């Protein structure tokens, strides 16, 4: 019916944040049925280190957890409901 799952929305947000080639092994802790909220639902995802070869630091760097939270919130808010 055109509705997207919580898992689908999270994967899309991770892809937009880090790039689809850098995101894998997404696991949601529980399933949500239609009409059920996902409050305090948790997930696991493997995200490859950021490639900083074009920056001053060079090499690769781990993601800052606060940047991941802010980035996911940004991309989730931009998704149409």
Protein backbone atom coordinates (compact mmCIF):
# COMPACT_ATOMS: atom_id res chain seq x y z
CA UNK A 1 0.00 0.00 0.00
CA UNK A 2 2.95 2.31 -0.42
CA UNK A 3 3.98 2.16 3.24
CA UNK A 4 7.64 1.67 4.03
CA UNK A 5 8.89 -0.29 7.02
CA UNK A 6 10.93 1.20 9.86
CA UNK A 7 13.85 -0.98 8.72
CA UNK A 8 13.50 0.31 5.17
CA UNK A 9 13.49 3.91 6.33
CA UNK A 10 16.59 3.35 8.48
CA UNK A 11 18.47 1.65 5.65
CA UNK A 12 17.57 4.50 3.28
CA UNK A 13 18.78 7.06 5.85
CA UNK A 14 22.07 5.16 6.38
CA UNK A 15 22.56 4.95 2.60
CA UNK A 16 21.98 8.69 2.26
CA UNK A 17 24.35 9.42 5.14
CA UNK A 18 27.27 7.09 4.41
CA UNK A 19 26.61 5.79 0.89
CA UNK A 20 25.07 2.40 0.06
CA UNK A 21 28.48 0.85 -0.59
CA UNK A 22 29.51 1.62 3.01
CA UNK A 23 26.48 0.17 4.86
CA UNK A 24 25.84 -3.53 5.43
CA UNK A 25 24.54 -6.09 7.92
CA UNK A 26 21.54 -4.07 9.15
CA UNK A 27 19.72 -5.95 11.92
CA UNK A 28 16.60 -4.64 13.65
CA UNK A 29 16.01 -5.86 17.22
CA UNK A 30 12.30 -6.56 16.76
CA UNK A 31 9.62 -6.24 14.16
CA UNK A 32 6.95 -3.61 14.12
CA UNK A 33 3.50 -4.28 12.78
CA UNK A 34 1.37 -1.68 11.10
CA UNK A 35 0.03 0.79 13.64
CA UNK A 36 2.65 -0.11 16.26
CA UNK A 37 5.28 2.48 17.20
CA UNK A 38 9.00 1.74 17.11
CA UNK A 39 9.86 3.71 20.24
CA UNK A 40 13.13 2.47 21.76
CA UNK A 41 13.60 -0.09 19.03
CA UNK A 42 17.31 -0.74 18.45
CA UNK A 43 19.35 -1.82 15.46
CA UNK A 44 22.85 -2.89 14.52
CA UNK A 45 24.58 -1.78 11.35
CA UNK A 46 28.13 -2.07 10.05
CA UNK A 47 29.37 1.18 8.51
CA UNK A 48 32.76 1.33 6.82
CA UNK A 49 35.20 4.01 7.91
CA UNK A 50 34.95 7.31 6.09
CA UNK A 51 37.50 7.81 3.33
CA UNK A 52 39.26 11.08 4.00
CA UNK A 53 41.88 10.86 1.26
CA UNK A 54 40.72 14.22 -0.13
CA UNK A 55 40.96 15.97 3.23
CA UNK A 56 43.90 17.35 5.18
CA UNK A 57 44.04 14.32 7.52
CA UNK A 58 44.11 11.77 4.69
CA UNK A 59 43.43 8.06 5.17
CA UNK A 60 40.22 6.87 6.84
CA UNK A 61 38.47 7.74 10.07
CA UNK A 62 35.79 6.19 12.25
CA UNK A 63 32.38 7.81 12.37
CA UNK A 64 31.61 10.01 15.37
CA UNK A 65 28.47 8.59 17.07
CA UNK A 66 26.97 12.08 17.52
CA UNK A 67 27.38 12.79 13.80
CA UNK A 68 25.66 9.51 12.98
CA UNK A 69 22.71 10.41 15.24
CA UNK A 70 22.40 13.92 13.79
CA UNK A 71 22.86 12.65 10.23
CA UNK A 72 20.23 9.91 10.63
CA UNK A 73 17.77 12.36 12.19
CA UNK A 74 18.35 14.77 9.29
CA UNK A 75 17.77 12.11 6.62
CA UNK A 76 14.82 10.52 8.43
CA UNK A 77 13.10 13.92 8.74
CA UNK A 78 13.57 14.51 5.00
CA UNK A 79 11.81 11.26 4.05
CA UNK A 80 8.20 11.65 3.05
CA UNK A 81 5.67 9.92 5.29
